[in-house]
Amino acid sequence: MYCNEQNPKRAELLIEVGKLPHSTVFVLKNQNHLGRVVVALNGHRQEVFEMTEEERNGYFADVARVAKAMSELFHPDKINYGIFGDGVPHVHMHIVPKYKDQLQWGHFFWDKGLEEVTLKDEEYAKMVADYKAKLGI
């Protein structure tokens, strides 16, 4: 899905924010954790150990950069990071802001069985613009 820009599932689930040196940042349309994004490796790798040292270091630097932007924009109490890949076999990380006394605080994030939270088009546009500005892309 991340390798193929024409994949209809990609447009259904994600909004592209832009490219960083080693990754592409996407806002998830399901915003049940406000500010949630995915950071996908630009090159195709299924596993972290398949990445070159340069890719790995660059990718995790991008992840840190996005998490810092998220922290500055949304002020979460904690940020969760998740790499799974059995559903989409491409290195990508879910970066999920968590807020005390809100959804799944004190537990790992999981979408199964949760109500989807969608925003208005202008809210997505603002979120994307805010991330772009913070990331300088």
N, C-alpha and C. Protein backbone atom coordinates (compact mmCIF):
# COMPACT_ATOMS: atom_id res chain seq x y z
N MET A 1 0.82 -1.19 0.00
CA MET A 1 0.00 0.00 0.00
C MET A 1 0.87 1.26 0.00
N TYR A 2 1.95 1.27 0.76
CA TYR A 2 2.80 2.46 0.82
C TYR A 2 3.67 2.60 -0.42
N CYS A 3 3.99 1.47 -1.07
CA CYS A 3 4.83 1.51 -2.27
C CYS A 3 4.04 1.98 -3.48
N ASN A 4 2.75 1.72 -3.50
CA ASN A 4 1.93 1.99 -4.66
C ASN A 4 1.01 3.17 -4.38
N GLU A 5 1.36 4.31 -4.94
CA GLU A 5 0.55 5.52 -4.73
C GLU A 5 -0.85 5.39 -5.31
N GLN A 6 -1.05 4.46 -6.23
CA GLN A 6 -2.35 4.28 -6.87
C GLN A 6 -3.24 3.30 -6.11
N ASN A 7 -2.74 2.68 -5.06
CA ASN A 7 -3.53 1.73 -4.29
C ASN A 7 -4.75 2.43 -3.70
N PRO A 8 -5.97 1.97 -4.05
CA PRO A 8 -7.17 2.65 -3.56
C PRO A 8 -7.30 2.62 -2.03
N LYS A 9 -6.76 1.60 -1.40
CA LYS A 9 -6.81 1.50 0.07
C LYS A 9 -6.05 2.66 0.72
N ARG A 10 -4.96 3.05 0.06
CA ARG A 10 -4.15 4.16 0.58
C ARG A 10 -4.98 5.44 0.66
N ALA A 11 -5.67 5.77 -0.40
CA ALA A 11 -6.50 6.98 -0.43
C ALA A 11 -7.70 6.86 0.51
N GLU A 12 -8.16 5.65 0.73
CA GLU A 12 -9.29 5.42 1.62
C GLU A 12 -8.92 5.66 3.09
N LEU A 13 -7.68 5.31 3.46
CA LEU A 13 -7.27 5.33 4.87
C LEU A 13 -6.39 6.51 5.27
N LEU A 14 -5.66 7.08 4.29
CA LEU A 14 -4.57 8.00 4.61
C LEU A 14 -4.62 9.29 3.80
N ILE A 15 -4.02 10.33 4.36
CA ILE A 15 -3.79 11.58 3.63
C ILE A 15 -2.30 11.86 3.72
N GLU A 16 -1.65 12.00 2.58
CA GLU A 16 -0.21 12.25 2.59
C GLU A 16 0.09 13.66 3.08
N VAL A 17 1.03 13.74 4.02
CA VAL A 17 1.53 15.03 4.51
C VAL A 17 2.71 15.46 3.65
N GLY A 18 3.65 14.54 3.42
CA GLY A 18 4.80 14.84 2.60
C GLY A 18 5.96 13.91 2.89
N LYS A 19 7.03 14.13 2.13
CA LYS A 19 8.20 13.26 2.22
C LYS A 19 9.29 13.91 3.07
N LEU A 20 9.91 13.07 3.89
CA LEU A 20 11.11 13.42 4.64
C LEU A 20 12.26 12.66 3.98
N PRO A 21 13.49 12.83 4.42
CA PRO A 21 14.61 12.18 3.73
C PRO A 21 14.49 10.66 3.58
N HIS A 22 13.92 9.97 4.56
CA HIS A 22 13.86 8.51 4.51
C HIS A 22 12.44 7.96 4.63
N SER A 23 11.46 8.82 4.68
CA SER A 23 10.10 8.34 4.93
C SER A 23 9.07 9.29 4.33
N THR A 24 7.83 8.79 4.32
CA THR A 24 6.69 9.61 3.94
C THR A 24 5.73 9.61 5.11
N VAL A 25 5.19 10.77 5.42
CA VAL A 25 4.30 10.95 6.57
C VAL A 25 2.86 11.02 6.07
N PHE A 26 1.99 10.29 6.77
CA PHE A 26 0.57 10.26 6.44
C PHE A 26 -0.26 10.54 7.69
N VAL A 27 -1.32 11.31 7.55
CA VAL A 27 -2.34 11.45 8.58
C VAL A 27 -3.35 10.33 8.33
N LEU A 28 -3.74 9.64 9.39
CA LEU A 28 -4.80 8.64 9.25
C LEU A 28 -6.14 9.35 9.23
N LYS A 29 -7.03 8.89 8.36
CA LYS A 29 -8.36 9.48 8.34
C LYS A 29 -9.13 9.14 9.61
N ASN A 30 -8.86 7.97 10.19
CA ASN A 30 -9.46 7.63 11.48
C ASN A 30 -8.66 8.32 12.57
N GLN A 31 -9.23 9.36 13.12
CA GLN A 31 -8.54 10.16 14.14
C GLN A 31 -9.10 9.89 15.54
N ASN A 32 -9.28 8.59 15.87
CA ASN A 32 -9.74 8.28 17.22
C ASN A 32 -8.69 8.62 18.28
N HIS A 33 -7.47 8.86 17.86
CA HIS A 33 -6.42 9.45 18.70
C HIS A 33 -5.97 10.70 17.94
N LEU A 34 -6.45 11.85 18.36
CA LEU A 34 -6.26 13.08 17.60
C LEU A 34 -4.79 13.40 17.36
N GLY A 35 -4.44 13.50 16.07
CA GLY A 35 -3.07 13.80 15.67
C GLY A 35 -2.31 12.60 15.15
N ARG A 36 -2.94 11.43 15.17
CA ARG A 36 -2.27 10.18 14.79
C ARG A 36 -1.77 10.21 13.35
N VAL A 37 -0.57 9.68 13.18
CA VAL A 37 0.05 9.60 11.85
C VAL A 37 0.72 8.25 11.66
N VAL A 38 1.09 7.99 10.42
CA VAL A 38 1.93 6.85 10.06
C VAL A 38 3.15 7.41 9.35
N VAL A 39 4.32 6.86 9.67
CA VAL A 39 5.56 7.22 9.00
C VAL A 39 6.04 5.97 8.28
N ALA A 40 6.00 5.99 6.94
CA ALA A 40 6.35 4.83 6.12
C ALA A 40 7.72 5.02 5.48
N LEU A 41 8.53 3.98 5.55
CA LEU A 41 9.85 4.00 4.91
C LEU A 41 9.68 4.25 3.42
N ASN A 42 10.52 5.11 2.84
CA ASN A 42 10.43 5.39 1.41
C ASN A 42 10.83 4.19 0.56
N GLY A 43 11.89 3.49 0.91
CA GLY A 43 12.27 2.29 0.18
C GLY A 43 11.47 1.11 0.69
N HIS A 44 11.33 0.07 -0.13
CA HIS A 44 10.54 -1.08 0.33
C HIS A 44 11.39 -2.06 1.14
N ARG A 45 11.00 -2.23 2.37
CA ARG A 45 11.55 -3.26 3.25
C ARG A 45 10.38 -3.79 4.07
N GLN A 46 10.39 -5.09 4.30
CA GLN A 46 9.33 -5.67 5.13
C GLN A 46 9.70 -5.69 6.60
N GLU A 47 11.00 -5.75 6.90
CA GLU A 47 11.47 -5.88 8.27
C GLU A 47 12.54 -4.82 8.56
N VAL A 48 12.61 -4.38 9.79
CA VAL A 48 13.60 -3.39 10.20
C VAL A 48 15.01 -3.91 9.95
N PHE A 49 15.24 -5.20 10.18
CA PHE A 49 16.59 -5.74 10.00
C PHE A 49 17.03 -5.77 8.54
N GLU A 50 16.10 -5.61 7.61
CA GLU A 50 16.44 -5.57 6.18
C GLU A 50 16.97 -4.20 5.76
N MET A 51 16.77 -3.20 6.59
CA MET A 51 17.19 -1.84 6.27
C MET A 51 18.70 -1.72 6.40
N THR A 52 19.29 -0.89 5.53
CA THR A 52 20.71 -0.59 5.70
C THR A 52 20.86 0.26 6.96
N GLU A 53 22.07 0.38 7.44
CA GLU A 53 22.31 1.21 8.63
C GLU A 53 21.88 2.65 8.36
N GLU A 54 22.19 3.15 7.17
CA GLU A 54 21.81 4.52 6.80
C GLU A 54 20.29 4.67 6.78
N GLU A 55 19.59 3.71 6.16
CA GLU A 55 18.12 3.77 6.12
C GLU A 55 17.54 3.74 7.54
N ARG A 56 18.04 2.82 8.34
CA ARG A 56 17.51 2.66 9.70
C ARG A 56 17.73 3.92 10.54
N ASN A 57 18.96 4.43 10.52
CA ASN A 57 19.24 5.65 11.29
C ASN A 57 18.43 6.84 10.78
N GLY A 58 18.35 6.96 9.45
CA GLY A 58 17.58 8.05 8.86
C GLY A 58 16.09 7.93 9.13
N TYR A 59 15.59 6.70 9.03
CA TYR A 59 14.16 6.46 9.28
C TYR A 59 13.80 6.83 10.72
N PHE A 60 14.58 6.35 11.67
CA PHE A 60 14.26 6.64 13.07
C PHE A 60 14.49 8.12 13.41
N ALA A 61 15.38 8.79 12.70
CA ALA A 61 15.52 10.24 12.86
C ALA A 61 14.25 10.94 12.36
N ASP A 62 13.70 10.46 11.24
CA ASP A 62 12.44 11.00 10.73
C ASP A 62 11.32 10.77 11.74
N VAL A 63 11.24 9.56 12.30
CA VAL A 63 10.21 9.24 13.29
C VAL A 63 10.30 10.22 14.47
N ALA A 64 11.51 10.45 14.97
CA ALA A 64 11.70 11.37 16.09
C ALA A 64 11.25 12.78 15.71
N ARG A 65 11.55 13.19 14.50
CA ARG A 65 11.17 14.52 14.02
C ARG A 65 9.64 14.67 13.99
N VAL A 66 8.96 13.63 13.50
CA VAL A 66 7.50 13.65 13.42
C VAL A 66 6.90 13.64 14.83
N ALA A 67 7.45 12.83 15.72
CA ALA A 67 6.94 12.77 17.09
C ALA A 67 7.09 14.12 17.80
N LYS A 68 8.20 14.79 17.56
CA LYS A 68 8.41 16.13 18.15
C LYS A 68 7.36 17.11 17.61
N ALA A 69 7.10 17.05 16.30
CA ALA A 69 6.07 17.91 15.72
C ALA A 69 4.71 17.60 16.34
N MET A 70 4.40 16.32 16.49
CA MET A 70 3.14 15.91 17.11
C MET A 70 3.03 16.47 18.53
N SER A 71 4.10 16.34 19.29
CA SER A 71 4.11 16.83 20.66
C SER A 71 3.85 18.34 20.72
N GLU A 72 4.47 19.08 19.82
CA GLU A 72 4.30 20.53 19.79
C GLU A 72 2.91 20.95 19.32
N LEU A 73 2.32 20.16 18.42
CA LEU A 73 1.00 20.50 17.88
C LEU A 73 -0.15 20.07 18.78
N PHE A 74 -0.03 18.88 19.39
CA PHE A 74 -1.18 18.29 20.09
C PHE A 74 -0.99 18.12 21.60
N HIS A 75 0.22 18.29 22.09
CA HIS A 75 0.52 18.22 23.52
C HIS A 75 -0.01 16.96 24.20
N PRO A 76 0.28 15.78 23.63
CA PRO A 76 -0.18 14.55 24.29
C PRO A 76 0.58 14.31 25.60
N ASP A 77 -0.03 13.52 26.47
CA ASP A 77 0.64 13.14 27.71
C ASP A 77 1.70 12.07 27.46
N LYS A 78 1.53 11.29 26.41
CA LYS A 78 2.48 10.24 26.02
C LYS A 78 2.27 9.95 24.55
N ILE A 79 3.32 9.51 23.90
CA ILE A 79 3.22 9.09 22.50
C ILE A 79 3.54 7.60 22.44
N ASN A 80 2.66 6.84 21.77
CA ASN A 80 2.90 5.41 21.54
C ASN A 80 3.42 5.23 20.13
N TYR A 81 4.29 4.23 19.96
CA TYR A 81 4.89 3.92 18.67
C TYR A 81 4.61 2.45 18.37
N GLY A 82 4.11 2.15 17.17
CA GLY A 82 3.83 0.76 16.85
C GLY A 82 4.25 0.38 15.45
N ILE A 83 5.01 -0.72 15.36
CA ILE A 83 5.37 -1.32 14.07
C ILE A 83 4.79 -2.72 14.08
N PHE A 84 3.92 -3.03 13.13
CA PHE A 84 3.30 -4.35 13.07
C PHE A 84 3.67 -4.99 11.73
N GLY A 85 2.89 -4.75 10.69
CA GLY A 85 3.27 -5.16 9.35
C GLY A 85 2.70 -6.46 8.85
N ASP A 86 1.96 -7.20 9.68
CA ASP A 86 1.40 -8.43 9.14
C ASP A 86 0.24 -8.13 8.19
N GLY A 87 -0.43 -7.01 8.37
CA GLY A 87 -1.49 -6.62 7.44
C GLY A 87 -0.96 -5.88 6.23
N VAL A 88 0.06 -5.07 6.42
CA VAL A 88 0.70 -4.31 5.34
C VAL A 88 2.20 -4.54 5.47
N PRO A 89 2.76 -5.47 4.67
CA PRO A 89 4.17 -5.86 4.82
C PRO A 89 5.15 -4.84 4.24
N HIS A 90 5.22 -3.68 4.86
CA HIS A 90 6.12 -2.60 4.48
C HIS A 90 6.46 -1.88 5.78
N VAL A 91 7.73 -1.58 6.02
CA VAL A 91 8.09 -0.92 7.28
C VAL A 91 7.37 0.42 7.37
N HIS A 92 6.53 0.52 8.39
CA HIS A 92 5.83 1.76 8.69
C HIS A 92 5.53 1.76 10.19
N MET A 93 5.51 2.95 10.75
CA MET A 93 5.27 3.08 12.19
C MET A 93 4.05 3.96 12.44
N HIS A 94 3.17 3.46 13.30
CA HIS A 94 2.05 4.26 13.78
C HIS A 94 2.57 5.10 14.94
N ILE A 95 2.36 6.40 14.86
CA ILE A 95 2.74 7.30 15.95
C ILE A 95 1.42 7.84 16.50
N VAL A 96 1.15 7.46 17.75
CA VAL A 96 -0.18 7.66 18.31
C VAL A 96 -0.11 8.51 19.58
N PRO A 97 -0.69 9.71 19.54
CA PRO A 97 -0.71 10.54 20.75
C PRO A 97 -1.75 9.99 21.73
N LYS A 98 -1.36 9.93 22.99
CA LYS A 98 -2.27 9.44 24.03
C LYS A 98 -2.46 10.55 25.07
N TYR A 99 -3.68 10.61 25.58
CA TYR A 99 -4.06 11.66 26.51
C TYR A 99 -4.65 11.02 27.77
N LYS A 100 -4.21 11.47 28.94
CA LYS A 100 -4.73 10.94 30.20
C LYS A 100 -6.25 11.07 30.23
N ASP A 101 -6.88 10.07 30.80
CA ASP A 101 -8.34 10.05 30.96
C ASP A 101 -9.08 10.05 29.63
N GLN A 102 -8.38 9.64 28.55
CA GLN A 102 -9.06 9.50 27.26
C GLN A 102 -8.84 8.08 26.74
N LEU A 103 -9.29 7.86 25.53
CA LEU A 103 -9.30 6.53 24.92
C LEU A 103 -7.98 5.78 25.10
N GLN A 104 -8.07 4.60 25.68
CA GLN A 104 -6.98 3.63 25.80
C GLN A 104 -5.80 4.10 26.65
N TRP A 105 -5.97 5.13 27.48
CA TRP A 105 -4.87 5.55 28.34
C TRP A 105 -4.48 4.38 29.24
N GLY A 106 -3.19 4.12 29.34
CA GLY A 106 -2.69 3.03 30.16
C GLY A 106 -2.70 1.68 29.46
N HIS A 107 -3.12 1.67 28.20
CA HIS A 107 -3.16 0.43 27.40
C HIS A 107 -2.56 0.74 26.03
N PHE A 108 -2.14 -0.31 25.33
CA PHE A 108 -1.65 -0.09 23.97
C PHE A 108 -2.82 0.29 23.07
N PHE A 109 -2.52 1.02 22.01
CA PHE A 109 -3.58 1.43 21.09
C PHE A 109 -3.96 0.26 20.20
N TRP A 110 -5.22 0.22 19.84
CA TRP A 110 -5.74 -0.84 18.98
C TRP A 110 -7.04 -0.34 18.40
N ASP A 111 -7.20 -0.47 17.08
CA ASP A 111 -8.39 0.05 16.42
C ASP A 111 -9.56 -0.92 16.36
N LYS A 112 -9.27 -2.21 16.45
CA LYS A 112 -10.33 -3.21 16.28
C LYS A 112 -11.44 -2.99 17.30
N GLY A 113 -12.67 -2.91 16.78
CA GLY A 113 -13.83 -2.76 17.64
C GLY A 113 -14.10 -1.35 18.13
N LEU A 114 -13.26 -0.41 17.75
CA LEU A 114 -13.48 0.98 18.16
C LEU A 114 -14.24 1.74 17.09
N GLU A 115 -15.03 2.68 17.54
CA GLU A 115 -15.74 3.54 16.60
C GLU A 115 -14.73 4.43 15.88
N GLU A 116 -14.91 4.55 14.57
CA GLU A 116 -14.02 5.40 13.79
C GLU A 116 -14.40 6.87 14.00
N VAL A 117 -13.39 7.70 14.14
CA VAL A 117 -13.60 9.14 14.30
C VAL A 117 -13.09 9.83 13.05
N THR A 118 -14.00 10.44 12.31
CA THR A 118 -13.60 11.17 11.11
C THR A 118 -13.77 12.66 11.36
N LEU A 119 -12.97 13.42 10.66
CA LEU A 119 -12.99 14.87 10.79
C LEU A 119 -13.62 15.49 9.55
N LYS A 120 -13.88 16.76 9.61
CA LYS A 120 -14.33 17.50 8.43
C LYS A 120 -13.12 17.72 7.53
N ASP A 121 -13.38 17.90 6.24
CA ASP A 121 -12.29 18.10 5.28
C ASP A 121 -11.37 19.24 5.70
N GLU A 122 -11.95 20.33 6.19
CA GLU A 122 -11.11 21.47 6.58
C GLU A 122 -10.26 21.15 7.82
N GLU A 123 -10.74 20.26 8.67
CA GLU A 123 -9.94 19.84 9.84
C GLU A 123 -8.75 18.99 9.41
N TYR A 124 -8.98 18.08 8.45
CA TYR A 124 -7.85 17.31 7.90
C TYR A 124 -6.85 18.25 7.23
N ALA A 125 -7.38 19.19 6.45
CA ALA A 125 -6.50 20.12 5.73
C ALA A 125 -5.65 20.93 6.71
N LYS A 126 -6.24 21.37 7.81
CA LYS A 126 -5.48 22.12 8.82
C LYS A 126 -4.43 21.23 9.48
N MET A 127 -4.79 20.00 9.80
CA MET A 127 -3.84 19.09 10.43
C MET A 127 -2.65 18.84 9.50
N VAL A 128 -2.92 18.58 8.24
CA VAL A 128 -1.85 18.36 7.26
C VAL A 128 -0.99 19.61 7.14
N ALA A 129 -1.61 20.77 7.03
CA ALA A 129 -0.86 22.03 6.92
C ALA A 129 -0.01 22.28 8.16
N ASP A 130 -0.56 21.99 9.33
CA ASP A 130 0.19 22.18 10.58
C ASP A 130 1.40 21.25 10.64
N TYR A 131 1.20 19.98 10.27
CA TYR A 131 2.34 19.05 10.23
C TYR A 131 3.38 19.51 9.21
N LYS A 132 2.93 19.90 8.03
CA LYS A 132 3.87 20.38 7.00
C LYS A 132 4.70 21.54 7.53
N ALA A 133 4.05 22.48 8.18
CA ALA A 133 4.75 23.66 8.71
C ALA A 133 5.77 23.25 9.78
N LYS A 134 5.37 22.40 10.71
CA LYS A 134 6.28 21.97 11.78
C LYS A 134 7.45 21.17 11.24
N LEU A 135 7.19 20.37 10.20
CA LEU A 135 8.23 19.51 9.62
C LEU A 135 9.05 20.22 8.54
N GLY A 136 8.60 21.38 8.12
CA GLY A 136 9.32 22.11 7.08
C GLY A 136 9.25 21.44 5.72
N ILE A 137 8.09 20.84 5.41
CA ILE A 137 7.93 20.17 4.11
C ILE A 137 6.73 20.73 3.35
